[in-house]
């Protein structure tokens, strides 16, 4: 079966499951998108890996896995989403260690979080994209899809609707101090919120 390369298009709120997110993968040489429902933690982990200017002071779980892999000379060469059963996607990490290839079963969200950290390509089979792929209109793609960095702070924003007006009363120096403290406290949603306010200035 032929493999189709996928790219991360974005992350949006899941329309079907409360508290979940939809990771949108798009085929590299086509218009179809593959939406995969993932949890909030995995969504944040993928977003942080994509958003280079947010660096956690301590490694997240997927960062820890990457550090362990690196210590033992294991390279994630690619991720393959190889099966779809009852709406659940199954993935494998194709790894290499001292010229020996290993295939490791993984949840799709975890596999993609590691793929981003290793800059490894993501693939699926033609029959899966034909079965589960959708073509989104340009308007839907533009209005309903959140960028990867948006996912980091979107939940915080919903809980703190007045935060933006509060930030406007603060100086840039105060915001930078608050940003530093948010990163130290590992409050990445707040850190991204403040970072965006600083960027606007």
C-alpha atoms as a PDB file:
ATOM      1  CA  UNK A   1       0.000   0.000   0.000  1.00  0.00           C
ATOM      2  CA  UNK A   2       1.274   3.454  -0.884  1.00  0.00           C
ATOM      3  CA  UNK A   3       2.103   5.961   1.841  1.00  0.00           C
ATOM      4  CA  UNK A   4       0.849   9.544   1.795  1.00  0.00           C
ATOM      5  CA  UNK A   5       2.821  12.205   3.626  1.00  0.00           C
ATOM      6  CA  UNK A   6       0.891  14.410   6.046  1.00  0.00           C
ATOM      7  CA  UNK A   7       1.683  17.853   7.433  1.00  0.00           C
ATOM      8  CA  UNK A   8       0.295  19.448  10.579  1.00  0.00           C
ATOM      9  CA  UNK A   9      -2.234  22.028   9.441  1.00  0.00           C
ATOM     10  CA  UNK A  10      -3.413  23.189  12.847  1.00  0.00           C
ATOM     11  CA  UNK A  11      -5.334  22.378  15.997  1.00  0.00           C
ATOM     12  CA  UNK A  12      -8.931  23.304  16.733  1.00  0.00           C
ATOM     13  CA  UNK A  13     -11.550  22.610  19.350  1.00  0.00           C
ATOM     14  CA  UNK A  14     -13.254  19.288  18.777  1.00  0.00           C
ATOM     15  CA  UNK A  15     -16.837  19.812  17.651  1.00  0.00           C
ATOM     16  CA  UNK A  16     -17.850  16.367  18.889  1.00  0.00           C
ATOM     17  CA  UNK A  17     -16.085  15.861  22.238  1.00  0.00           C
ATOM     18  CA  UNK A  18     -16.066  18.400  25.043  1.00  0.00           C
ATOM     19  CA  UNK A  19     -12.600  19.208  26.380  1.00  0.00           C
ATOM     20  CA  UNK A  20     -10.896  17.569  23.405  1.00  0.00           C
ATOM     21  CA  UNK A  21      -9.154  19.002  20.380  1.00  0.00           C
ATOM     22  CA  UNK A  22      -8.948  18.089  16.727  1.00  0.00           C
ATOM     23  CA  UNK A  23      -5.462  17.837  15.279  1.00  0.00           C
ATOM     24  CA  UNK A  24      -5.758  18.626  11.572  1.00  0.00           C
ATOM     25  CA  UNK A  25      -3.302  16.839   9.293  1.00  0.00           C
ATOM     26  CA  UNK A  26      -3.277  17.647   5.583  1.00  0.00           C
ATOM     27  CA  UNK A  27      -1.966  15.499   2.764  1.00  0.00           C
ATOM     28  CA  UNK A  28       1.124  17.037   1.225  1.00  0.00           C
ATOM     29  CA  UNK A  29       0.064  16.684  -2.396  1.00  0.00           C
ATOM     30  CA  UNK A  30      -3.692  17.030  -2.114  1.00  0.00           C
ATOM     31  CA  UNK A  31      -6.622  18.842  -0.544  1.00  0.00           C
ATOM     32  CA  UNK A  32      -7.812  16.242   1.958  1.00  0.00           C
ATOM     33  CA  UNK A  33      -7.482  16.807   5.691  1.00  0.00           C
ATOM     34  CA  UNK A  34      -7.326  14.127   8.366  1.00  0.00           C
ATOM     35  CA  UNK A  35      -8.872  15.355  11.652  1.00  0.00           C
ATOM     36  CA  UNK A  36      -7.773  13.360  14.709  1.00  0.00           C
ATOM     37  CA  UNK A  37      -9.342  13.917  18.130  1.00  0.00           C
ATOM     38  CA  UNK A  38      -6.698  14.285  20.851  1.00  0.00           C
ATOM     39  CA  UNK A  39      -6.637  15.292  24.508  1.00  0.00           C
ATOM     40  CA  UNK A  40      -5.808  18.739  25.880  1.00  0.00           C
ATOM     41  CA  UNK A  41      -2.427  17.631  27.264  1.00  0.00           C
ATOM     42  CA  UNK A  42      -1.300  16.179  23.945  1.00  0.00           C
ATOM     43  CA  UNK A  43      -2.593  19.235  22.083  1.00  0.00           C
ATOM     44  CA  UNK A  44      -0.568  21.501  24.361  1.00  0.00           C
ATOM     45  CA  UNK A  45       2.524  19.305  24.007  1.00  0.00           C
ATOM     46  CA  UNK A  46       2.349  19.427  20.209  1.00  0.00           C
ATOM     47  CA  UNK A  47       1.678  23.176  20.256  1.00  0.00           C
ATOM     48  CA  UNK A  48       4.648  23.891  22.510  1.00  0.00           C
ATOM     49  CA  UNK A  49       6.923  21.834  20.252  1.00  0.00           C
ATOM     50  CA  UNK A  50       5.714  23.806  17.227  1.00  0.00           C
ATOM     51  CA  UNK A  51       5.896  27.167  18.981  1.00  0.00           C
ATOM     52  CA  UNK A  52       9.634  27.712  19.291  1.00  0.00           C
ATOM     53  CA  UNK A  53       9.559  30.799  21.526  1.00  0.00           C
ATOM     54  CA  UNK A  54       7.957  28.988  24.477  1.00  0.00           C
ATOM     55  CA  UNK A  55      10.552  26.898  26.283  1.00  0.00           C
ATOM     56  CA  UNK A  56       9.438  25.064  29.434  1.00  0.00           C
ATOM     57  CA  UNK A  57      11.960  25.284  32.301  1.00  0.00           C
ATOM     58  CA  UNK A  58      11.693  21.521  32.804  1.00  0.00           C
ATOM     59  CA  UNK A  59      11.053  18.854  30.163  1.00  0.00           C
ATOM     60  CA  UNK A  60       7.491  17.836  29.412  1.00  0.00           C
ATOM     61  CA  UNK A  61       6.728  14.128  29.074  1.00  0.00           C
ATOM     62  CA  UNK A  62       7.424  14.063  25.339  1.00  0.00           C
ATOM     63  CA  UNK A  63      10.613  16.101  25.850  1.00  0.00           C
ATOM     64  CA  UNK A  64      11.689  13.492  28.392  1.00  0.00           C
ATOM     65  CA  UNK A  65      11.090  10.708  25.875  1.00  0.00           C
ATOM     66  CA  UNK A  66      13.185  12.568  23.310  1.00  0.00           C
ATOM     67  CA  UNK A  67      16.003  13.036  25.830  1.00  0.00           C
ATOM     68  CA  UNK A  68      15.937   9.320  26.701  1.00  0.00           C
ATOM     69  CA  UNK A  69      15.913   8.348  23.013  1.00  0.00           C
ATOM     70  CA  UNK A  70      18.842  10.666  22.361  1.00  0.00           C
ATOM     71  CA  UNK A  71      20.785   9.195  25.283  1.00  0.00           C
ATOM     72  CA  UNK A  72      20.472   5.717  23.792  1.00  0.00           C
ATOM     73  CA  UNK A  73      21.074   6.814  20.195  1.00  0.00           C
ATOM     74  CA  UNK A  74      17.508   6.083  19.125  1.00  0.00           C
ATOM     75  CA  UNK A  75      16.235   8.212  16.248  1.00  0.00           C
ATOM     76  CA  UNK A  76      12.572   8.534  15.302  1.00  0.00           C
ATOM     77  CA  UNK A  77      12.760   8.296  11.509  1.00  0.00           C
ATOM     78  CA  UNK A  78       9.049   8.541  10.761  1.00  0.00           C
ATOM     79  CA  UNK A  79       5.546   8.068  12.105  1.00  0.00           C
ATOM     80  CA  UNK A  80       2.987   5.973  10.261  1.00  0.00           C
ATOM     81  CA  UNK A  81      -0.732   6.140  11.024  1.00  0.00           C
ATOM     82  CA  UNK A  82      -1.443   2.596   9.910  1.00  0.00           C
ATOM     83  CA  UNK A  83      -4.923   1.665  11.094  1.00  0.00           C
ATOM     84  CA  UNK A  84      -8.366   3.140  11.737  1.00  0.00           C
ATOM     85  CA  UNK A  85     -10.836   1.098  13.782  1.00  0.00           C
ATOM     86  CA  UNK A  86     -14.154   2.483  15.055  1.00  0.00           C
ATOM     87  CA  UNK A  87     -12.919   6.053  14.740  1.00  0.00           C
ATOM     88  CA  UNK A  88      -9.645   5.368  16.579  1.00  0.00           C
ATOM     89  CA  UNK A  89      -6.364   5.904  14.737  1.00  0.00           C
ATOM     90  CA  UNK A  90      -3.394   3.631  15.433  1.00  0.00           C
ATOM     91  CA  UNK A  91       0.183   4.731  14.832  1.00  0.00           C
ATOM     92  CA  UNK A  92       3.715   3.382  14.911  1.00  0.00           C
ATOM     93  CA  UNK A  93       7.057   5.036  15.516  1.00  0.00           C
ATOM     94  CA  UNK A  94       9.659   3.835  13.051  1.00  0.00           C
ATOM     95  CA  UNK A  95      12.910   4.117  15.003  1.00  0.00           C
ATOM     96  CA  UNK A  96      16.529   3.401  14.268  1.00  0.00           C
ATOM     97  CA  UNK A  97      19.190   2.365  16.763  1.00  0.00           C
ATOM     98  CA  UNK A  98      22.698   1.509  15.560  1.00  0.00           C
ATOM     99  CA  UNK A  99      21.433   0.761  12.038  1.00  0.00           C
ATOM    100  CA  UNK A 100      18.723  -1.526  13.425  1.00  0.00           C
ATOM    101  CA  UNK A 101      15.127  -0.563  12.721  1.00  0.00           C
ATOM    102  CA  UNK A 102      12.474  -0.941  15.409  1.00  0.00           C
ATOM    103  CA  UNK A 103       8.720  -0.401  15.131  1.00  0.00           C
ATOM    104  CA  UNK A 104       7.070   0.867  18.317  1.00  0.00           C
ATOM    105  CA  UNK A 105       3.305   1.000  18.806  1.00  0.00           C
ATOM    106  CA  UNK A 106       2.065   4.383  20.061  1.00  0.00           C
ATOM    107  CA  UNK A 107      -1.037   6.485  20.428  1.00  0.00           C
ATOM    108  CA  UNK A 108      -1.285   8.741  17.408  1.00  0.00           C
ATOM    109  CA  UNK A 109      -1.142  11.929  19.499  1.00  0.00           C
ATOM    110  CA  UNK A 110       2.011  10.767  21.311  1.00  0.00           C
ATOM    111  CA  UNK A 111       3.614   9.663  18.060  1.00  0.00           C
ATOM    112  CA  UNK A 112       2.991  13.051  16.467  1.00  0.00           C
ATOM    113  CA  UNK A 113       4.248  14.909  19.552  1.00  0.00           C
ATOM    114  CA  UNK A 114       7.516  12.976  19.185  1.00  0.00           C
ATOM    115  CA  UNK A 115       7.585  13.390  15.399  1.00  0.00           C
ATOM    116  CA  UNK A 116       7.527  17.169  15.823  1.00  0.00           C
ATOM    117  CA  UNK A 117      10.415  17.009  18.300  1.00  0.00           C
ATOM    118  CA  UNK A 118      12.506  14.808  15.996  1.00  0.00           C
ATOM    119  CA  UNK A 119      11.453  16.663  12.821  1.00  0.00           C
ATOM    120  CA  UNK A 120      10.293  13.277  11.552  1.00  0.00           C
ATOM    121  CA  UNK A 121       7.806  12.975   8.674  1.00  0.00           C
ATOM    122  CA  UNK A 122       4.260  11.719   9.286  1.00  0.00           C
ATOM    123  CA  UNK A 123       2.612   9.285   6.874  1.00  0.00           C
ATOM    124  CA  UNK A 124      -0.612   7.366   6.481  1.00  0.00           C
ATOM    125  CA  UNK A 125      -1.867   4.824   3.990  1.00  0.00           C
ATOM    126  CA  UNK A 126      -3.966   5.715   0.979  1.00  0.00           C
ATOM    127  CA  UNK A 127      -6.942   3.661   2.172  1.00  0.00           C
ATOM    128  CA  UNK A 128      -7.038   5.556   5.493  1.00  0.00           C
ATOM    129  CA  UNK A 129      -7.017   9.003   3.899  1.00  0.00           C
ATOM    130  CA  UNK A 130      -9.706   7.805   1.481  1.00  0.00           C
ATOM    131  CA  UNK A 131     -11.824   6.544   4.380  1.00  0.00           C
ATOM    132  CA  UNK A 132     -11.351   9.342   6.909  1.00  0.00           C
ATOM    133  CA  UNK A 133     -10.057  12.298   4.893  1.00  0.00           C
ATOM    134  CA  UNK A 134     -12.267  15.339   4.408  1.00  0.00           C
ATOM    135  CA  UNK A 135     -12.038  18.377   2.182  1.00  0.00           C
ATOM    136  CA  UNK A 136     -12.584  21.572   4.145  1.00  0.00           C
ATOM    137  CA  UNK A 137     -13.804  24.692   2.421  1.00  0.00           C
ATOM    138  CA  UNK A 138     -11.488  27.696   2.548  1.00  0.00           C
ATOM    139  CA  UNK A 139     -13.900  29.556   4.839  1.00  0.00           C
ATOM    140  CA  UNK A 140     -14.088  26.702   7.335  1.00  0.00           C
ATOM    141  CA  UNK A 141     -10.343  26.230   7.199  1.00  0.00           C
ATOM    142  CA  UNK A 142      -9.777  29.924   7.829  1.00  0.00           C
ATOM    143  CA  UNK A 143     -12.360  30.582  10.533  1.00  0.00           C
ATOM    144  CA  UNK A 144     -12.547  27.372  12.551  1.00  0.00           C
ATOM    145  CA  UNK A 145      -8.914  26.271  12.587  1.00  0.00           C
ATOM    146  CA  UNK A 146      -6.686  27.582  15.338  1.00  0.00           C
ATOM    147  CA  UNK A 147      -2.975  27.974  14.824  1.00  0.00           C
ATOM    148  CA  UNK A 148      -0.742  25.748  16.896  1.00  0.00           C
ATOM    149  CA  UNK A 149       0.251  28.563  19.240  1.00  0.00           C
ATOM    150  CA  UNK A 150      -3.400  29.519  19.855  1.00  0.00           C
ATOM    151  CA  UNK A 151      -4.080  26.165  21.455  1.00  0.00           C
ATOM    152  CA  UNK A 152      -1.565  26.855  24.211  1.00  0.00           C
ATOM    153  CA  UNK A 153      -3.539  29.686  25.748  1.00  0.00           C
ATOM    154  CA  UNK A 154      -7.074  29.371  24.409  1.00  0.00           C
ATOM    155  CA  UNK A 155      -8.509  27.625  27.480  1.00  0.00           C
ATOM    156  CA  UNK A 156      -6.915  30.216  29.766  1.00  0.00           C
ATOM    157  CA  UNK A 157      -8.452  32.995  27.726  1.00  0.00           C
ATOM    158  CA  UNK A 158     -11.919  31.476  28.054  1.00  0.00           C
ATOM    159  CA  UNK A 159     -11.572  31.385  31.837  1.00  0.00           C
ATOM    160  CA  UNK A 160     -10.122  34.899  32.033  1.00  0.00           C
ATOM    161  CA  UNK A 161     -12.112  36.980  29.599  1.00  0.00           C
ATOM    162  CA  UNK A 162     -10.979  40.262  31.132  1.00  0.00           C
ATOM    163  CA  UNK A 163      -7.252  39.435  30.999  1.00  0.00           C
ATOM    164  CA  UNK A 164      -6.578  41.417  27.813  1.00  0.00           C
ATOM    165  CA  UNK A 165      -7.977  44.625  29.261  1.00  0.00           C
ATOM    166  CA  UNK A 166      -5.907  44.016  32.404  1.00  0.00           C
ATOM    167  CA  UNK A 167      -2.703  43.647  30.367  1.00  0.00           C
ATOM    168  CA  UNK A 168      -3.329  46.941  28.583  1.00  0.00           C
ATOM    169  CA  UNK A 169      -2.916  48.795  31.866  1.00  0.00           C
ATOM    170  CA  UNK A 170       0.531  47.260  32.458  1.00  0.00           C
ATOM    171  CA  UNK A 171       3.863  48.501  31.143  1.00  0.00           C
ATOM    172  CA  UNK A 172       5.999  46.343  28.849  1.00  0.00           C
ATOM    173  CA  UNK A 173       8.549  45.870  31.642  1.00  0.00           C
ATOM    174  CA  UNK A 174       5.798  44.635  33.976  1.00  0.00           C
ATOM    175  CA  UNK A 175       4.540  42.266  31.301  1.00  0.00           C
ATOM    176  CA  UNK A 176       8.041  40.833  30.747  1.00  0.00           C
ATOM    177  CA  UNK A 177       8.411  40.230  34.489  1.00  0.00           C
ATOM    178  CA  UNK A 178       5.011  38.547  34.567  1.00  0.00           C
ATOM    179  CA  UNK A 179       5.980  36.442  31.535  1.00  0.00           C
ATOM    180  CA  UNK A 180       9.162  35.282  33.263  1.00  0.00           C
ATOM    181  CA  UNK A 181       7.204  34.256  36.361  1.00  0.00           C
ATOM    182  CA  UNK A 182       4.569  32.428  34.289  1.00  0.00           C
ATOM    183  CA  UNK A 183       7.276  30.353  32.571  1.00  0.00           C
ATOM    184  CA  UNK A 184       8.947  29.597  35.912  1.00  0.00           C
ATOM    185  CA  UNK A 185       5.557  28.470  37.284  1.00  0.00           C
ATOM    186  CA  UNK A 186       5.040  26.349  34.153  1.00  0.00           C
ATOM    187  CA  UNK A 187       1.804  28.206  33.391  1.00  0.00           C
ATOM    188  CA  UNK A 188       2.236  28.070  29.634  1.00  0.00           C
ATOM    189  CA  UNK A 189      -1.259  29.270  28.793  1.00  0.00           C
ATOM    190  CA  UNK A 190      -0.648  32.470  30.729  1.00  0.00           C
ATOM    191  CA  UNK A 191       2.855  32.805  29.270  1.00  0.00           C
ATOM    192  CA  UNK A 192       1.516  32.671  25.715  1.00  0.00           C
ATOM    193  CA  UNK A 193      -1.229  35.163  26.556  1.00  0.00           C
ATOM    194  CA  UNK A 194       1.298  37.662  27.900  1.00  0.00           C
ATOM    195  CA  UNK A 195       3.735  37.013  25.061  1.00  0.00           C
ATOM    196  CA  UNK A 196       1.063  37.870  22.519  1.00  0.00           C
ATOM    197  CA  UNK A 197       0.250  41.120  24.333  1.00  0.00           C
ATOM    198  CA  UNK A 198       3.949  42.058  24.244  1.00  0.00           C
ATOM    199  CA  UNK A 199       4.117  41.180  20.540  1.00  0.00           C
ATOM    200  CA  UNK A 200       1.175  43.461  19.773  1.00  0.00           C
ATOM    201  CA  UNK A 201       3.236  46.392  21.079  1.00  0.00           C
END
